[in-house]
Amino acid sequence: MLETQCPACGVLFRKWLAARAGLPARAATTAQARDDRAASRLLAWLTGLLEIPEEGRTVRAGVGAALWMLAAWSVWRFARFDISAPESIPLPFLHTAIVPFHEFGHILFKPFGEFMHVAGGSLMQFLMPLGFGAYFVHWRRDNLAGSLMLWWAGVQWVDLAPYCYDARTPVMTLLTGRTGDTGAHDYIDMLGDLGLLDQAHEVAAIMKNFGIVLMLLALVWGALLLERIWRNRAGGA
């Protein structure tokens, strides 16, 4: 009672605040309870993201640490990548691996209109890693794999940034074998529809920076998980 009642005068602070706001005391209490439940659910969800498996800790720690170091090295490479020179993109095999998903995205989103048909390729590029991440976190209970999928989603934003940058002055050779000024170019179409074609370079920089932020968040998440796994590995296999 000490949190809600003044020990000196016995005034109920919550009722007083509700009266000041013009709300019934019961409504204020209900709203507070709803906020408390929402906060509890959020806390439980965040706590769940730091859970580690009970088995195989030693193996997971070794493999996870190796993958984390490779991911950290790649972030440094991607951060230094010049989006105006797409041929110099780090780890180009990652781009090659994602191209089929990009093209499938155009087909998948085609029923939702012309804009979504064009945007579907880029959407699929980062929705696919996030989908795998949700699978690992919620169904496999493998948060470490989930953190790597978040890193991969960040890679997609950096991967797409040169494509966006090219929209203002098209010079990239596309899959069609042509450049954007003589053939279809996703970002010329999308940015043109949005009235942002003249700001293509700025939008591309934002895309790259957002991707780097996602990758850094993935590294922090992975580091926290690895620290817990290493600290408790004596109980694992």
Protein backbone atom coordinates (compact mmCIF):
# COMPACT_ATOMS: atom_id res chain seq x y z
CA MET A 1 0.00 0.00 0.00
CA LEU A 2 2.93 2.34 0.54
CA GLU A 3 3.42 2.63 -3.22
CA THR A 4 -0.08 3.96 -3.81
CA GLN A 5 -1.05 5.61 -0.50
CA CYS A 6 0.47 8.60 1.24
CA PRO A 7 1.49 7.49 4.79
CA ALA A 8 0.92 11.02 6.10
CA CYS A 9 -2.52 11.92 4.77
CA GLY A 10 -3.89 8.70 3.34
CA VAL A 11 -4.53 10.16 -0.13
CA LEU A 12 -4.57 7.53 -2.84
CA PHE A 13 -2.20 8.88 -5.46
CA ARG A 14 -3.62 6.78 -8.28
CA LYS A 15 -7.15 8.08 -7.63
CA TRP A 16 -5.84 11.60 -7.39
CA LEU A 17 -3.99 11.31 -10.72
CA ALA A 18 -7.04 9.74 -12.34
CA ALA A 19 -9.20 12.61 -11.07
CA ARG A 20 -6.71 15.15 -12.44
CA ALA A 21 -6.89 13.39 -15.83
CA GLY A 22 -10.68 13.28 -15.71
CA LEU A 23 -10.76 9.48 -15.64
CA PRO A 24 -12.57 7.18 -13.25
CA ALA A 25 -10.27 5.48 -10.74
CA ARG A 26 -11.34 2.04 -12.02
CA ALA A 27 -10.44 3.00 -15.59
CA ALA A 28 -7.01 4.17 -14.46
CA THR A 29 -6.46 0.91 -12.57
CA THR A 30 -7.52 -1.15 -15.60
CA ALA A 31 -5.21 0.80 -17.88
CA GLN A 32 -2.33 0.33 -15.43
CA ALA A 33 -2.97 -3.41 -15.26
CA ARG A 34 -3.02 -3.63 -19.05
CA ASP A 35 0.28 -1.75 -19.26
CA ASP A 36 1.79 -4.04 -16.63
CA ARG A 37 0.74 -7.13 -18.59
CA ALA A 38 2.20 -5.71 -21.79
CA ALA A 39 5.47 -4.90 -20.02
CA SER A 40 5.60 -8.40 -18.54
CA ARG A 41 5.06 -9.99 -21.95
CA LEU A 42 7.78 -7.83 -23.50
CA LEU A 43 10.20 -8.70 -20.69
CA ALA A 44 9.44 -12.41 -21.05
CA TRP A 45 10.02 -12.21 -24.81
CA LEU A 46 13.34 -10.39 -24.41
CA THR A 47 14.43 -12.87 -21.73
CA GLY A 48 13.53 -15.73 -24.05
CA LEU A 49 15.90 -14.35 -26.70
CA LEU A 50 18.79 -15.02 -24.32
CA GLU A 51 17.88 -18.62 -23.54
CA ILE A 52 20.50 -21.24 -24.38
CA PRO A 53 19.96 -24.97 -24.98
CA GLU A 54 20.69 -27.44 -22.22
CA GLU A 55 22.51 -29.90 -24.46
CA GLY A 56 25.52 -29.66 -26.73
CA ARG A 57 26.92 -26.52 -25.16
CA THR A 58 30.59 -27.29 -25.90
CA VAL A 59 29.97 -27.97 -29.59
CA ARG A 60 27.67 -24.96 -29.94
CA ALA A 61 30.21 -22.74 -28.20
CA GLY A 62 33.01 -23.73 -30.57
CA VAL A 63 31.03 -23.57 -33.79
CA GLY A 64 29.13 -20.48 -32.67
CA ALA A 65 32.32 -18.62 -31.75
CA ALA A 66 33.86 -19.38 -35.15
CA LEU A 67 30.76 -18.19 -37.01
CA TRP A 68 30.52 -15.10 -34.81
CA MET A 69 34.11 -14.13 -35.61
CA LEU A 70 33.47 -14.57 -39.34
CA ALA A 71 30.33 -12.42 -39.03
CA ALA A 72 32.27 -9.74 -37.11
CA TRP A 73 34.98 -9.71 -39.77
CA SER A 74 32.34 -9.35 -42.48
CA VAL A 75 30.74 -6.36 -40.73
CA TRP A 76 34.08 -4.56 -40.89
CA ARG A 77 34.31 -5.38 -44.60
CA PHE A 78 30.75 -4.32 -45.36
CA ALA A 79 31.12 -1.09 -43.37
CA ARG A 80 34.05 -0.10 -45.61
CA PHE A 81 32.26 -1.12 -48.81
CA ASP A 82 31.73 1.69 -51.35
CA ILE A 83 28.19 1.29 -52.67
CA SER A 84 29.10 3.22 -55.81
CA ALA A 85 31.39 0.31 -56.79
CA PRO A 86 29.15 -2.78 -56.62
CA GLU A 87 31.80 -5.04 -58.14
CA SER A 88 33.85 -4.65 -54.94
CA ILE A 89 31.12 -5.97 -52.61
CA PRO A 90 32.55 -8.33 -49.94
CA LEU A 91 31.56 -12.01 -49.95
CA PRO A 92 30.00 -11.91 -53.44
CA PHE A 93 28.86 -15.53 -53.12
CA LEU A 94 26.21 -14.31 -50.66
CA HIS A 95 24.75 -12.15 -53.40
CA THR A 96 24.77 -15.03 -55.86
CA ALA A 97 23.00 -17.26 -53.35
CA ILE A 98 20.20 -14.74 -52.73
CA VAL A 99 19.42 -13.90 -56.38
CA PRO A 100 16.93 -16.82 -56.83
CA PHE A 101 14.99 -15.64 -53.78
CA HIS A 102 14.97 -12.09 -55.16
CA GLU A 103 13.48 -13.26 -58.44
CA PHE A 104 10.96 -15.48 -56.64
CA GLY A 105 9.85 -12.42 -54.65
CA HIS A 106 8.77 -10.69 -57.85
CA ILE A 107 6.53 -13.66 -58.67
CA LEU A 108 5.20 -14.03 -55.12
CA PHE A 109 4.14 -10.38 -54.78
CA LYS A 110 2.85 -9.94 -58.33
CA PRO A 111 -0.85 -10.40 -57.32
CA PHE A 112 -0.59 -7.34 -55.03
CA GLY A 113 -0.16 -4.76 -57.77
CA GLU A 114 2.58 -3.37 -59.96
CA PHE A 115 4.49 -1.59 -57.18
CA MET A 116 4.58 -4.68 -54.95
CA HIS A 117 5.52 -6.80 -57.97
CA VAL A 118 8.61 -4.63 -58.45
CA ALA A 119 9.37 -4.28 -54.73
CA GLY A 120 8.80 -7.99 -54.07
CA GLY A 121 12.33 -8.95 -55.04
CA SER A 122 13.91 -6.68 -52.44
CA LEU A 123 11.28 -7.60 -49.86
CA MET A 124 12.00 -11.30 -50.27
CA GLN A 125 15.71 -10.72 -49.85
CA PHE A 126 15.38 -9.61 -46.24
CA LEU A 127 12.11 -11.34 -45.34
CA MET A 128 13.62 -14.73 -46.14
CA PRO A 129 16.42 -14.51 -43.51
CA LEU A 130 13.94 -13.09 -40.99
CA GLY A 131 11.61 -16.02 -41.68
CA PHE A 132 14.42 -18.48 -41.03
CA GLY A 133 15.28 -16.51 -37.89
CA ALA A 134 11.71 -16.83 -36.60
CA TYR A 135 11.85 -20.57 -37.31
CA PHE A 136 15.08 -21.04 -35.36
CA VAL A 137 14.01 -18.87 -32.42
CA HIS A 138 10.39 -19.94 -31.95
CA TRP A 139 10.35 -23.52 -33.21
CA ARG A 140 13.91 -24.80 -32.78
CA ARG A 141 14.67 -22.70 -29.68
CA ASP A 142 18.07 -21.92 -31.20
CA ASN A 143 18.71 -18.25 -30.50
CA LEU A 144 22.30 -18.40 -31.72
CA ALA A 145 21.13 -19.46 -35.18
CA GLY A 146 18.50 -16.73 -34.94
CA SER A 147 21.21 -14.12 -34.34
CA LEU A 148 23.04 -15.29 -37.46
CA MET A 149 19.84 -14.95 -39.46
CA LEU A 150 19.51 -11.35 -38.22
CA TRP A 151 23.08 -10.78 -39.42
CA TRP A 152 22.10 -12.23 -42.80
CA ALA A 153 19.07 -9.93 -42.98
CA GLY A 154 21.42 -6.99 -42.41
CA VAL A 155 23.62 -8.23 -45.25
CA GLN A 156 20.65 -7.95 -47.61
CA TRP A 157 20.22 -4.22 -46.98
CA VAL A 158 23.89 -3.65 -47.81
CA ASP A 159 23.58 -5.93 -50.83
CA LEU A 160 20.64 -3.94 -52.21
CA ALA A 161 22.16 -0.50 -51.53
CA PRO A 162 24.30 -0.41 -54.73
CA TYR A 163 21.21 -1.32 -56.78
CA CYS A 164 19.40 1.64 -55.25
CA TYR A 165 22.44 3.92 -55.71
CA ASP A 166 22.55 3.00 -59.40
CA ALA A 167 19.00 4.21 -60.00
CA ARG A 168 19.96 7.88 -60.41
CA THR A 169 22.59 7.22 -63.10
CA PRO A 170 22.22 3.61 -64.28
CA VAL A 171 25.49 1.89 -65.17
CA MET A 172 25.10 -1.55 -63.54
CA THR A 173 24.68 -4.51 -65.86
CA LEU A 174 21.53 -6.30 -64.71
CA LEU A 175 20.54 -9.95 -65.08
CA THR A 176 18.97 -9.07 -68.41
CA GLY A 177 22.40 -8.06 -69.69
CA ARG A 178 21.32 -4.44 -70.02
CA THR A 179 21.63 -1.36 -67.84
CA GLY A 180 18.70 0.33 -66.17
CA ASP A 181 18.35 3.06 -68.78
CA THR A 182 17.53 0.46 -71.46
CA GLY A 183 15.70 -2.15 -69.37
CA ALA A 184 13.76 -2.81 -66.20
CA HIS A 185 15.38 -1.50 -63.01
CA ASP A 186 13.56 -2.12 -59.70
CA TYR A 187 14.78 1.00 -57.99
CA ILE A 188 14.21 3.35 -60.90
CA ASP A 189 10.60 2.18 -60.87
CA MET A 190 10.14 2.19 -57.07
CA LEU A 191 11.89 5.45 -56.32
CA GLY A 192 10.20 7.06 -59.30
CA ASP A 193 6.79 6.06 -57.97
CA LEU A 194 7.73 7.43 -54.55
CA GLY A 195 9.15 10.67 -55.92
CA LEU A 196 12.60 9.86 -54.53
CA LEU A 197 14.59 9.12 -57.67
CA ASP A 198 16.73 12.26 -57.30
CA GLN A 199 17.56 11.14 -53.73
CA ALA A 200 18.63 7.65 -54.78
CA HIS A 201 22.16 8.08 -53.40
CA GLU A 202 20.90 9.26 -50.04
CA VAL A 203 18.36 6.43 -49.81
CA ALA A 204 21.08 3.92 -50.71
CA ALA A 205 23.32 5.26 -47.92
CA ILE A 206 20.47 4.89 -45.42
CA MET A 207 19.90 1.31 -46.60
CA LYS A 208 23.57 0.44 -46.14
CA ASN A 209 23.77 2.04 -42.70
CA PHE A 210 20.57 0.30 -41.56
CA GLY A 211 22.02 -3.02 -42.69
CA ILE A 212 25.20 -2.38 -40.70
CA VAL A 213 23.12 -1.56 -37.60
CA LEU A 214 21.21 -4.84 -37.96
CA MET A 215 24.48 -6.73 -38.30
CA LEU A 216 25.91 -5.06 -35.21
CA LEU A 217 22.75 -5.88 -33.22
CA ALA A 218 23.12 -9.49 -34.36
CA LEU A 219 26.73 -9.52 -33.13
CA VAL A 220 25.74 -8.14 -29.73
CA TRP A 221 22.95 -10.72 -29.42
CA GLY A 222 25.28 -13.53 -30.47
CA ALA A 223 28.00 -12.38 -28.06
CA LEU A 224 25.58 -12.41 -25.13
CA LEU A 225 24.46 -15.94 -26.04
CA LEU A 226 28.03 -17.20 -26.48
CA GLU A 227 29.01 -15.73 -23.12
CA ARG A 228 26.19 -17.66 -21.45
CA ILE A 229 27.02 -20.84 -23.34
CA TRP A 230 30.71 -20.66 -22.39
CA ARG A 231 29.87 -19.87 -18.78
CA ASN A 232 27.59 -22.91 -18.53
CA ARG A 233 29.39 -25.28 -20.91
CA ALA A 234 30.59 -27.55 -18.09
CA GLY A 235 27.04 -28.89 -17.82
CA GLY A 236 26.75 -29.59 -21.57
CA ALA A 237 28.00 -32.32 -23.87
